[in-house]
Amino acid sequence: MASKIKATFLGTSAQIPTAKRNHTAILLSWDKENILIDCGEGTQRQFKKARLNPMKLTKLLITHWHGDHVLGIPGLLQTLAANDYKKKLLIYGPKGTREFMKNMLNVFVFSGKIDFKIEEVEEGKFFENEEFYLESKNVVHGTPTNAYVFVKKGQIRIDKKKLGKAKIESGPVLKKLKEGKDIVYKGKKYLVKNLTYREGDKKISFVLDSKFDEKISSFVTGSDLLVYESSFGSDKLEMARERKHMTAGQAAKIAKLSKSKKLILTHLSSRYALKQKFILDEAKKIFKNVSIAKDLDSFEI
């Protein structure tokens, strides 16, 4: 069975953390990939609380360089270095990321070494292999900011029942079927379409800090999981406009326009610590399948 894609919310607060919500960080895990989206202050402690191993990190995606999304980076890198991290950490972020990283690390006396590569990305695919790809899109937040999608490509799967009925045993022919090729078995030809099926793509989208813009719906269209900032409710609509953030209702509208399957709200302002039902109800009036993420929650597809 194919491994599931898992999103673990290490931090779900907005600019000001609360006793129950840490600064923003989300770990996307699939197969051998462990991709961290943003790294707010205290993220490495959240790894401990979630019983996750930061040494398995493969990539870091930075949405933008506001402090609540990046101030955990120096500590995390120091911990990786101290524990003899052997991989090359691939770091992606918006324009200016190289300079910000240089300045950030120059502030500290860094002990040890860690191998990492920084790439500034704007729009389009920036990583792709046979199994998945990563794509970014610029959004408006007053500073260079990216939204990201992770797409696991649909794979050809063998229908074991049909294989059994055809009395085809395991062997080299199965490899050909997985490659999408017709086969000849014991002198008889079998069409790949009659013995296999294709899994659909699996897509998780992340929009963390952005003003409302319906155009983003085409970028996140068909998301199995749509992770969206919801800093405000409709009671603070003007404040959301001024600060280039989203309300719960606006996030729900994007989920509906994009025909996403499930919406996860995160990045909640501390002013809603006791008013989460208000945020959830606002979103559900527009899009039914919605949840508010709590720290250490995880969702799988």
C-alpha atoms as a PDB file:
ATOM      1  CA  MET A   1       0.000   0.000   0.000  1.00  0.00           C
ATOM      2  CA  ALA A   2       1.281   3.459  -0.898  1.00  0.00           C
ATOM      3  CA  SER A   3       2.429   5.525   2.076  1.00  0.00           C
ATOM      4  CA  LYS A   4       0.199   8.395   3.112  1.00  0.00           C
ATOM      5  CA  ILE A   5       1.131  12.051   3.064  1.00  0.00           C
ATOM      6  CA  LYS A   6       1.044  13.563   6.536  1.00  0.00           C
ATOM      7  CA  ALA A   7       0.973  17.204   7.611  1.00  0.00           C
ATOM      8  CA  THR A   8       1.894  17.835  11.262  1.00  0.00           C
ATOM      9  CA  PHE A   9       1.219  21.306  12.643  1.00  0.00           C
ATOM     10  CA  LEU A  10       4.126  22.225  14.907  1.00  0.00           C
ATOM     11  CA  GLY A  11       2.897  25.786  15.349  1.00  0.00           C
ATOM     12  CA  THR A  12      -0.438  27.434  14.549  1.00  0.00           C
ATOM     13  CA  SER A  13      -0.372  30.945  15.982  1.00  0.00           C
ATOM     14  CA  ALA A  14      -0.173  34.264  14.192  1.00  0.00           C
ATOM     15  CA  GLN A  15       2.351  36.959  15.111  1.00  0.00           C
ATOM     16  CA  ILE A  16       1.873  36.643  18.870  1.00  0.00           C
ATOM     17  CA  PRO A  17       2.035  33.106  20.304  1.00  0.00           C
ATOM     18  CA  THR A  18      -0.201  31.893  23.109  1.00  0.00           C
ATOM     19  CA  ALA A  19       0.225  29.316  25.855  1.00  0.00           C
ATOM     20  CA  LYS A  20      -1.306  26.745  23.512  1.00  0.00           C
ATOM     21  CA  ARG A  21      -0.138  27.950  20.087  1.00  0.00           C
ATOM     22  CA  ASN A  22       3.476  28.190  18.969  1.00  0.00           C
ATOM     23  CA  HIS A  23       4.721  30.208  16.017  1.00  0.00           C
ATOM     24  CA  THR A  24       4.085  28.825  12.535  1.00  0.00           C
ATOM     25  CA  ALA A  25       5.736  25.605  11.335  1.00  0.00           C
ATOM     26  CA  ILE A  26       4.283  22.637   9.466  1.00  0.00           C
ATOM     27  CA  LEU A  27       6.045  19.344   8.712  1.00  0.00           C
ATOM     28  CA  LEU A  28       4.963  17.516   5.567  1.00  0.00           C
ATOM     29  CA  SER A  29       6.080  13.878   5.613  1.00  0.00           C
ATOM     30  CA  TRP A  30       5.865  11.335   2.836  1.00  0.00           C
ATOM     31  CA  ASP A  31       8.054   8.306   2.228  1.00  0.00           C
ATOM     32  CA  LYS A  32      11.624   9.533   2.892  1.00  0.00           C
ATOM     33  CA  GLU A  33      10.720  13.206   2.469  1.00  0.00           C
ATOM     34  CA  ASN A  34      10.311  15.486   5.474  1.00  0.00           C
ATOM     35  CA  ILE A  35       9.605  19.019   4.310  1.00  0.00           C
ATOM     36  CA  LEU A  36       9.301  21.829   6.844  1.00  0.00           C
ATOM     37  CA  ILE A  37       7.148  24.766   5.799  1.00  0.00           C
ATOM     38  CA  ASP A  38       8.289  27.781   7.831  1.00  0.00           C
ATOM     39  CA  CYS A  39      10.171  27.593  11.109  1.00  0.00           C
ATOM     40  CA  GLY A  40       8.862  29.951  13.751  1.00  0.00           C
ATOM     41  CA  GLU A  41      10.513  30.486  17.129  1.00  0.00           C
ATOM     42  CA  GLY A  42      10.481  27.326  19.263  1.00  0.00           C
ATOM     43  CA  THR A  43       9.983  24.923  16.361  1.00  0.00           C
ATOM     44  CA  GLN A  44      12.699  22.506  17.468  1.00  0.00           C
ATOM     45  CA  ARG A  45      10.959  22.072  20.847  1.00  0.00           C
ATOM     46  CA  GLN A  46       7.750  21.334  18.987  1.00  0.00           C
ATOM     47  CA  PHE A  47       9.574  18.536  17.162  1.00  0.00           C
ATOM     48  CA  LYS A  48      10.325  17.030  20.575  1.00  0.00           C
ATOM     49  CA  LYS A  49       6.732  17.374  21.743  1.00  0.00           C
ATOM     50  CA  ALA A  50       5.483  15.718  18.566  1.00  0.00           C
ATOM     51  CA  ARG A  51       8.113  12.955  18.924  1.00  0.00           C
ATOM     52  CA  LEU A  52       9.489  13.763  15.490  1.00  0.00           C
ATOM     53  CA  ASN A  53      13.133  13.656  14.494  1.00  0.00           C
ATOM     54  CA  PRO A  54      14.471  16.860  12.890  1.00  0.00           C
ATOM     55  CA  MET A  55      17.492  14.881  11.641  1.00  0.00           C
ATOM     56  CA  LYS A  56      15.187  13.432   8.987  1.00  0.00           C
ATOM     57  CA  LEU A  57      14.522  16.845   7.441  1.00  0.00           C
ATOM     58  CA  THR A  58      15.138  17.045   3.707  1.00  0.00           C
ATOM     59  CA  LYS A  59      13.830  20.497   2.746  1.00  0.00           C
ATOM     60  CA  LEU A  60      12.811  23.818   4.279  1.00  0.00           C
ATOM     61  CA  LEU A  61      10.285  26.015   2.470  1.00  0.00           C
ATOM     62  CA  ILE A  62      10.142  29.604   3.697  1.00  0.00           C
ATOM     63  CA  THR A  63       6.972  31.491   2.804  1.00  0.00           C
ATOM     64  CA  HIS A  64       8.323  34.927   3.805  1.00  0.00           C
ATOM     65  CA  TRP A  65      10.711  36.596   6.199  1.00  0.00           C
ATOM     66  CA  HIS A  66       8.469  37.928   8.948  1.00  0.00           C
ATOM     67  CA  GLY A  67       9.880  36.897  12.312  1.00  0.00           C
ATOM     68  CA  ASP A  68       7.035  34.635  13.381  1.00  0.00           C
ATOM     69  CA  HIS A  69       7.804  32.398  10.392  1.00  0.00           C
ATOM     70  CA  VAL A  70      11.618  32.227  10.517  1.00  0.00           C
ATOM     71  CA  LEU A  71      13.075  32.939  13.966  1.00  0.00           C
ATOM     72  CA  GLY A  72      13.391  29.228  14.725  1.00  0.00           C
ATOM     73  CA  ILE A  73      15.809  28.649  11.837  1.00  0.00           C
ATOM     74  CA  PRO A  74      19.134  29.418  13.617  1.00  0.00           C
ATOM     75  CA  GLY A  75      18.366  27.144  16.551  1.00  0.00           C
ATOM     76  CA  LEU A  76      17.171  24.345  14.331  1.00  0.00           C
ATOM     77  CA  LEU A  77      20.283  24.502  12.127  1.00  0.00           C
ATOM     78  CA  GLN A  78      22.501  24.581  15.228  1.00  0.00           C
ATOM     79  CA  THR A  79      20.802  21.465  16.565  1.00  0.00           C
ATOM     80  CA  LEU A  80      21.249  19.678  13.239  1.00  0.00           C
ATOM     81  CA  ALA A  81      24.944  20.596  13.181  1.00  0.00           C
ATOM     82  CA  ALA A  82      25.443  19.502  16.791  1.00  0.00           C
ATOM     83  CA  ASN A  83      23.933  16.119  15.967  1.00  0.00           C
ATOM     84  CA  ASP A  84      26.104  15.621  12.865  1.00  0.00           C
ATOM     85  CA  TYR A  85      23.376  16.047  10.242  1.00  0.00           C
ATOM     86  CA  LYS A  86      24.669  14.187   7.169  1.00  0.00           C
ATOM     87  CA  LYS A  87      22.264  15.334   4.449  1.00  0.00           C
ATOM     88  CA  LYS A  88      22.294  18.495   2.366  1.00  0.00           C
ATOM     89  CA  LEU A  89      19.334  20.566   3.536  1.00  0.00           C
ATOM     90  CA  LEU A  90      17.616  22.216   0.585  1.00  0.00           C
ATOM     91  CA  ILE A  91      16.262  25.628   1.569  1.00  0.00           C
ATOM     92  CA  TYR A  92      13.783  27.436  -0.681  1.00  0.00           C
ATOM     93  CA  GLY A  93      12.335  30.868  -0.163  1.00  0.00           C
ATOM     94  CA  PRO A  94      11.235  34.089  -1.860  1.00  0.00           C
ATOM     95  CA  LYS A  95      13.479  36.816  -3.247  1.00  0.00           C
ATOM     96  CA  GLY A  96      15.986  37.987  -0.660  1.00  0.00           C
ATOM     97  CA  THR A  97      16.305  34.624   1.115  1.00  0.00           C
ATOM     98  CA  ARG A  98      20.061  34.272   0.524  1.00  0.00           C
ATOM     99  CA  GLU A  99      20.795  37.664   2.064  1.00  0.00           C
ATOM    100  CA  PHE A 100      18.407  37.138   4.973  1.00  0.00           C
ATOM    101  CA  MET A 101      19.959  33.756   5.747  1.00  0.00           C
ATOM    102  CA  LYS A 102      23.463  35.226   5.620  1.00  0.00           C
ATOM    103  CA  ASN A 103      22.527  38.076   7.948  1.00  0.00           C
ATOM    104  CA  MET A 104      20.649  35.791  10.345  1.00  0.00           C
ATOM    105  CA  LEU A 105      23.540  33.363  10.741  1.00  0.00           C
ATOM    106  CA  ASN A 106      26.068  36.188  11.107  1.00  0.00           C
ATOM    107  CA  VAL A 107      24.328  37.312  14.289  1.00  0.00           C
ATOM    108  CA  PHE A 108      25.163  34.052  16.084  1.00  0.00           C
ATOM    109  CA  VAL A 109      28.345  32.218  16.961  1.00  0.00           C
ATOM    110  CA  PHE A 110      27.508  29.065  15.024  1.00  0.00           C
ATOM    111  CA  SER A 111      29.160  25.883  16.251  1.00  0.00           C
ATOM    112  CA  GLY A 112      29.877  23.040  13.854  1.00  0.00           C
ATOM    113  CA  LYS A 113      28.977  22.705  10.205  1.00  0.00           C
ATOM    114  CA  ILE A 114      25.864  21.900   8.228  1.00  0.00           C
ATOM    115  CA  ASP A 115      25.592  21.464   4.495  1.00  0.00           C
ATOM    116  CA  PHE A 116      22.725  23.390   2.965  1.00  0.00           C
ATOM    117  CA  LYS A 117      21.786  24.912  -0.365  1.00  0.00           C
ATOM    118  CA  ILE A 118      19.638  28.025  -0.720  1.00  0.00           C
ATOM    119  CA  GLU A 119      17.481  28.672  -3.763  1.00  0.00           C
ATOM    120  CA  GLU A 120      15.281  31.717  -4.258  1.00  0.00           C
ATOM    121  CA  VAL A 121      12.064  30.783  -6.063  1.00  0.00           C
ATOM    122  CA  GLU A 122       9.305  32.957  -7.452  1.00  0.00           C
ATOM    123  CA  GLU A 123       6.670  31.187  -9.548  1.00  0.00           C
ATOM    124  CA  GLY A 124       6.418  27.708 -11.043  1.00  0.00           C
ATOM    125  CA  LYS A 125       7.904  24.284 -10.327  1.00  0.00           C
ATOM    126  CA  PHE A 126      11.197  24.462  -8.483  1.00  0.00           C
ATOM    127  CA  PHE A 127      11.676  20.785  -7.602  1.00  0.00           C
ATOM    128  CA  GLU A 128      10.541  17.669  -9.456  1.00  0.00           C
ATOM    129  CA  ASN A 129      11.392  13.994  -9.610  1.00  0.00           C
ATOM    130  CA  GLU A 130       9.516  10.916 -10.791  1.00  0.00           C
ATOM    131  CA  GLU A 131       7.338  10.816  -7.697  1.00  0.00           C
ATOM    132  CA  PHE A 132       6.421  14.385  -6.749  1.00  0.00           C
ATOM    133  CA  TYR A 133       6.953  18.057  -7.444  1.00  0.00           C
ATOM    134  CA  LEU A 134       6.937  21.335  -5.547  1.00  0.00           C
ATOM    135  CA  GLU A 135       5.557  24.548  -6.983  1.00  0.00           C
ATOM    136  CA  SER A 136       5.403  28.130  -5.746  1.00  0.00           C
ATOM    137  CA  LYS A 137       3.355  31.220  -6.446  1.00  0.00           C
ATOM    138  CA  ASN A 138       3.821  34.815  -5.342  1.00  0.00           C
ATOM    139  CA  VAL A 139       1.125  36.225  -3.057  1.00  0.00           C
ATOM    140  CA  VAL A 140       0.685  39.749  -1.706  1.00  0.00           C
ATOM    141  CA  HIS A 141       1.677  40.334   1.917  1.00  0.00           C
ATOM    142  CA  GLY A 142       3.770  43.494   1.880  1.00  0.00           C
ATOM    143  CA  THR A 143       7.061  41.586   1.538  1.00  0.00           C
ATOM    144  CA  PRO A 144       8.087  38.906  -0.992  1.00  0.00           C
ATOM    145  CA  THR A 145       5.912  35.930  -0.087  1.00  0.00           C
ATOM    146  CA  ASN A 146       5.320  32.502  -1.613  1.00  0.00           C
ATOM    147  CA  ALA A 147       2.475  30.032  -1.438  1.00  0.00           C
ATOM    148  CA  TYR A 148       3.489  26.407  -2.054  1.00  0.00           C
ATOM    149  CA  VAL A 149       1.979  23.175  -3.309  1.00  0.00           C
ATOM    150  CA  PHE A 150       3.226  19.611  -2.920  1.00  0.00           C
ATOM    151  CA  VAL A 151       1.900  17.193  -5.542  1.00  0.00           C
ATOM    152  CA  LYS A 152       2.504  13.462  -5.373  1.00  0.00           C
ATOM    153  CA  LYS A 153       2.131  12.201  -8.904  1.00  0.00           C
ATOM    154  CA  GLY A 154      -0.422   9.493  -9.602  1.00  0.00           C
ATOM    155  CA  GLN A 155       1.183   6.083 -10.112  1.00  0.00           C
ATOM    156  CA  ILE A 156       0.202   3.055 -12.161  1.00  0.00           C
ATOM    157  CA  ARG A 157      -1.038   0.354  -9.790  1.00  0.00           C
ATOM    158  CA  ILE A 158      -1.539  -3.315 -10.614  1.00  0.00           C
ATOM    159  CA  ASP A 159      -5.039  -4.671 -10.015  1.00  0.00           C
ATOM    160  CA  LYS A 160      -4.241  -7.838  -8.047  1.00  0.00           C
ATOM    161  CA  LYS A 161      -7.683  -9.335  -8.539  1.00  0.00           C
ATOM    162  CA  LYS A 162      -7.464  -9.033 -12.320  1.00  0.00           C
ATOM    163  CA  LEU A 163      -3.916 -10.345 -12.197  1.00  0.00           C
ATOM    164  CA  GLY A 164      -5.141 -13.381 -10.256  1.00  0.00           C
ATOM    165  CA  LYS A 165      -7.975 -14.054 -12.691  1.00  0.00           C
ATOM    166  CA  ALA A 166      -5.503 -13.952 -15.571  1.00  0.00           C
ATOM    167  CA  LYS A 167      -3.294 -16.361 -13.573  1.00  0.00           C
ATOM    168  CA  ILE A 168      -0.243 -14.168 -14.095  1.00  0.00           C
ATOM    169  CA  GLU A 169       2.484 -14.843 -11.560  1.00  0.00           C
ATOM    170  CA  SER A 170       4.986 -12.329 -10.249  1.00  0.00           C
ATOM    171  CA  GLY A 171       8.113 -11.713 -12.274  1.00  0.00           C
ATOM    172  CA  PRO A 172       9.627  -9.333 -14.831  1.00  0.00           C
ATOM    173  CA  VAL A 173       6.247  -8.820 -16.492  1.00  0.00           C
ATOM    174  CA  LEU A 174       5.009  -6.924 -13.442  1.00  0.00           C
ATOM    175  CA  LYS A 175       7.769  -4.364 -13.856  1.00  0.00           C
ATOM    176  CA  LYS A 176       6.608  -3.750 -17.439  1.00  0.00           C
ATOM    177  CA  LEU A 177       3.031  -3.291 -16.269  1.00  0.00           C
ATOM    178  CA  LYS A 178       4.150  -0.704 -13.714  1.00  0.00           C
ATOM    179  CA  GLU A 179       5.969   1.099 -16.511  1.00  0.00           C
ATOM    180  CA  GLY A 180       2.701   1.279 -18.447  1.00  0.00           C
ATOM    181  CA  LYS A 181       3.647  -1.338 -21.061  1.00  0.00           C
ATOM    182  CA  ASP A 182       1.557  -4.156 -22.510  1.00  0.00           C
ATOM    183  CA  ILE A 183       2.919  -7.614 -21.767  1.00  0.00           C
ATOM    184  CA  VAL A 184       3.109 -11.078 -23.288  1.00  0.00           C
ATOM    185  CA  TYR A 185       2.727 -13.911 -20.774  1.00  0.00           C
ATOM    186  CA  LYS A 186       2.840 -17.579 -21.783  1.00  0.00           C
ATOM    187  CA  GLY A 187       2.271 -16.613 -25.391  1.00  0.00           C
ATOM    188  CA  LYS A 188      -0.770 -14.435 -24.721  1.00  0.00           C
ATOM    189  CA  LYS A 189      -0.833 -10.638 -24.949  1.00  0.00           C
ATOM    190  CA  TYR A 190      -2.323  -8.593 -22.120  1.00  0.00           C
ATOM    191  CA  LEU A 191      -3.098  -4.880 -22.351  1.00  0.00           C
ATOM    192  CA  VAL A 192      -1.811  -2.767 -19.503  1.00  0.00           C
ATOM    193  CA  LYS A 193      -5.117  -0.906 -19.278  1.00  0.00           C
ATOM    194  CA  ASN A 194      -6.921  -4.187 -18.473  1.00  0.00           C
ATOM    195  CA  LEU A 195      -4.634  -5.127 -15.572  1.00  0.00           C
ATOM    196  CA  THR A 196      -3.837  -1.778 -13.953  1.00  0.00           C
ATOM    197  CA  TYR A 197      -5.368   1.436 -12.739  1.00  0.00           C
ATOM    198  CA  ARG A 198      -3.891   4.888 -12.245  1.00  0.00           C
ATOM    199  CA  GLU A 199      -3.956   6.611  -8.917  1.00  0.00           C
ATOM    200  CA  GLY A 200      -4.885  10.259  -9.076  1.00  0.00           C
ATOM    201  CA  ASP A 201      -2.444  12.973  -8.019  1.00  0.00           C
ATOM    202  CA  LYS A 202      -2.441  13.914  -4.339  1.00  0.00           C
ATOM    203  CA  LYS A 203      -2.082  17.617  -3.588  1.00  0.00           C
ATOM    204  CA  ILE A 204      -1.468  19.635  -0.431  1.00  0.00           C
ATOM    205  CA  SER A 205      -1.407  23.414  -0.695  1.00  0.00           C
ATOM    206  CA  PHE A 206      -0.042  25.966   1.777  1.00  0.00           C
ATOM    207  CA  VAL A 207      -1.025  29.635   1.780  1.00  0.00           C
ATOM    208  CA  LEU A 208       0.454  31.180   4.918  1.00  0.00           C
ATOM    209  CA  ASP A 209      -0.001  34.963   5.108  1.00  0.00           C
ATOM    210  CA  SER A 210      -1.614  36.653   2.143  1.00  0.00           C
ATOM    211  CA  LYS A 211      -4.209  39.261   1.333  1.00  0.00           C
ATOM    212  CA  PHE A 212      -7.461  37.967  -0.139  1.00  0.00           C
ATOM    213  CA  ASP A 213      -7.175  37.311  -3.863  1.00  0.00           C
ATOM    214  CA  GLU A 214      -9.518  34.962  -5.693  1.00  0.00           C
ATOM    215  CA  LYS A 215      -6.822  34.303  -8.312  1.00  0.00           C
ATOM    216  CA  ILE A 216      -4.957  32.027  -5.891  1.00  0.00           C
ATOM    217  CA  SER A 217      -7.797  29.513  -6.314  1.00  0.00           C
ATOM    218  CA  SER A 218      -6.381  28.356  -9.662  1.00  0.00           C
ATOM    219  CA  PHE A 219      -3.004  27.615  -8.044  1.00  0.00           C
ATOM    220  CA  VAL A 220      -4.499  25.509  -5.240  1.00  0.00           C
ATOM    221  CA  THR A 221      -7.273  23.977  -7.374  1.00  0.00           C
ATOM    222  CA  GLY A 222      -8.226  20.412  -6.535  1.00  0.00           C
ATOM    223  CA  SER A 223      -6.255  20.307  -3.281  1.00  0.00           C
ATOM    224  CA  ASP A 224      -6.853  17.222  -1.183  1.00  0.00           C
ATOM    225  CA  LEU A 225      -5.748  19.349   1.754  1.00  0.00           C
ATOM    226  CA  LEU A 226      -5.743  23.146   1.613  1.00  0.00           C
ATOM    227  CA  VAL A 227      -3.842  24.763   4.491  1.00  0.00           C
ATOM    228  CA  TYR A 228      -4.773  28.421   4.769  1.00  0.00           C
ATOM    229  CA  GLU A 229      -4.010  31.255   7.131  1.00  0.00           C
ATOM    230  CA  SER A 230      -6.982  32.619   9.032  1.00  0.00           C
ATOM    231  CA  SER A 231      -5.595  35.434  11.119  1.00  0.00           C
ATOM    232  CA  PHE A 232      -8.944  37.167  11.511  1.00  0.00           C
ATOM    233  CA  GLY A 233     -12.680  36.730  11.512  1.00  0.00           C
ATOM    234  CA  SER A 234     -15.204  38.877   9.678  1.00  0.00           C
ATOM    235  CA  ASP A 235     -15.374  41.115  12.754  1.00  0.00           C
ATOM    236  CA  LYS A 236     -11.884  42.378  11.815  1.00  0.00           C
ATOM    237  CA  LEU A 237     -12.320  42.529   8.042  1.00  0.00           C
ATOM    238  CA  GLU A 238     -10.825  46.008   7.700  1.00  0.00           C
ATOM    239  CA  MET A 239      -7.838  45.046   9.824  1.00  0.00           C
ATOM    240  CA  ALA A 240      -7.309  41.987   7.620  1.00  0.00           C
ATOM    241  CA  ARG A 241      -7.278  44.234   4.536  1.00  0.00           C
ATOM    242  CA  GLU A 242      -4.844  46.695   6.102  1.00  0.00           C
ATOM    243  CA  ARG A 243      -2.437  43.991   7.257  1.00  0.00           C
ATOM    244  CA  LYS A 244      -2.787  41.898   4.093  1.00  0.00           C
ATOM    245  CA  HIS A 245      -4.162  38.863   5.891  1.00  0.00           C
ATOM    246  CA  MET A 246      -7.177  36.610   5.452  1.00  0.00           C
ATOM    247  CA  THR A 247     -10.398  36.057   7.335  1.00  0.00           C
ATOM    248  CA  ALA A 248     -11.861  32.599   7.909  1.00  0.00           C
ATOM    249  CA  GLY A 249     -14.675  33.336   5.483  1.00  0.00           C
ATOM    250  CA  GLN A 250     -12.251  34.425   2.766  1.00  0.00           C
ATOM    251  CA  ALA A 251     -10.189  31.252   3.200  1.00  0.00           C
ATOM    252  CA  ALA A 252     -13.388  29.206   2.941  1.00  0.00           C
ATOM    253  CA  LYS A 253     -14.312  31.032  -0.265  1.00  0.00           C
ATOM    254  CA  ILE A 254     -10.952  30.062  -1.809  1.00  0.00           C
ATOM    255  CA  ALA A 255     -11.526  26.454  -0.732  1.00  0.00           C
ATOM    256  CA  LYS A 256     -14.909  26.470  -2.434  1.00  0.00           C
ATOM    257  CA  LEU A 257     -13.673  28.182  -5.618  1.00  0.00           C
ATOM    258  CA  SER A 258     -10.726  25.792  -5.884  1.00  0.00           C
ATOM    259  CA  LYS A 259     -12.898  22.706  -5.338  1.00  0.00           C
ATOM    260  CA  SER A 260     -10.579  21.575  -2.573  1.00  0.00           C
ATOM    261  CA  LYS A 261     -11.575  18.534  -0.546  1.00  0.00           C
ATOM    262  CA  LYS A 262     -10.634  19.726   2.947  1.00  0.00           C
ATOM    263  CA  LEU A 263      -9.662  23.098   4.412  1.00  0.00           C
ATOM    264  CA  ILE A 264      -7.378  23.460   7.428  1.00  0.00           C
ATOM    265  CA  LEU A 265      -7.278  26.890   9.069  1.00  0.00           C
ATOM    266  CA  THR A 266      -4.110  27.955  10.872  1.00  0.00           C
ATOM    267  CA  HIS A 267      -2.181  31.106  11.864  1.00  0.00           C
ATOM    268  CA  LEU A 268      -4.939  32.299  14.227  1.00  0.00           C
ATOM    269  CA  SER A 269      -4.580  35.641  15.943  1.00  0.00           C
ATOM    270  CA  SER A 270      -4.253  35.410  19.730  1.00  0.00           C
ATOM    271  CA  ARG A 271      -7.405  37.556  20.021  1.00  0.00           C
ATOM    272  CA  TYR A 272      -9.406  34.448  19.024  1.00  0.00           C
ATOM    273  CA  ALA A 273      -7.940  32.170  21.696  1.00  0.00           C
ATOM    274  CA  LEU A 274     -11.380  31.893  23.303  1.00  0.00           C
ATOM    275  CA  LYS A 275     -13.400  32.462  20.128  1.00  0.00           C
ATOM    276  CA  GLN A 276     -12.378  29.572  17.895  1.00  0.00           C
ATOM    277  CA  LYS A 277     -15.986  28.491  17.386  1.00  0.00           C
ATOM    278  CA  PHE A 278     -16.689  31.915  15.890  1.00  0.00           C
ATOM    279  CA  ILE A 279     -13.876  31.367  13.347  1.00  0.00           C
ATOM    280  CA  LEU A 280     -14.959  27.807  12.543  1.00  0.00           C
ATOM    281  CA  ASP A 281     -18.653  28.693  12.159  1.00  0.00           C
ATOM    282  CA  GLU A 282     -17.783  31.574   9.833  1.00  0.00           C
ATOM    283  CA  ALA A 283     -15.844  29.248   7.539  1.00  0.00           C
ATOM    284  CA  LYS A 284     -18.444  26.459   7.652  1.00  0.00           C
ATOM    285  CA  LYS A 285     -21.152  28.778   6.352  1.00  0.00           C
ATOM    286  CA  ILE A 286     -19.231  28.774   3.066  1.00  0.00           C
ATOM    287  CA  PHE A 287     -17.283  25.488   3.045  1.00  0.00           C
ATOM    288  CA  LYS A 288     -18.380  22.532   5.149  1.00  0.00           C
ATOM    289  CA  ASN A 289     -15.273  20.341   5.365  1.00  0.00           C
ATOM    290  CA  VAL A 290     -13.080  22.600   7.470  1.00  0.00           C
ATOM    291  CA  SER A 291     -11.033  22.212  10.657  1.00  0.00           C
ATOM    292  CA  ILE A 292      -8.962  24.556  12.794  1.00  0.00           C
ATOM    293  CA  ALA A 293      -5.499  23.121  13.395  1.00  0.00           C
ATOM    294  CA  LYS A 294      -4.160  22.953  16.942  1.00  0.00           C
ATOM    295  CA  ASP A 295      -0.482  22.587  17.753  1.00  0.00           C
ATOM    296  CA  LEU A 296       0.687  18.988  17.160  1.00  0.00           C
ATOM    297  CA  ASP A 297      -2.424  18.065  15.157  1.00  0.00           C
ATOM    298  CA  SER A 298      -1.763  15.940  12.099  1.00  0.00           C
ATOM    299  CA  PHE A 299      -3.799  15.250   8.975  1.00  0.00           C
ATOM    300  CA  GLU A 300      -3.250  12.492   6.410  1.00  0.00           C
ATOM    301  CA  ILE A 301      -4.301  11.909   2.821  1.00  0.00           C
END
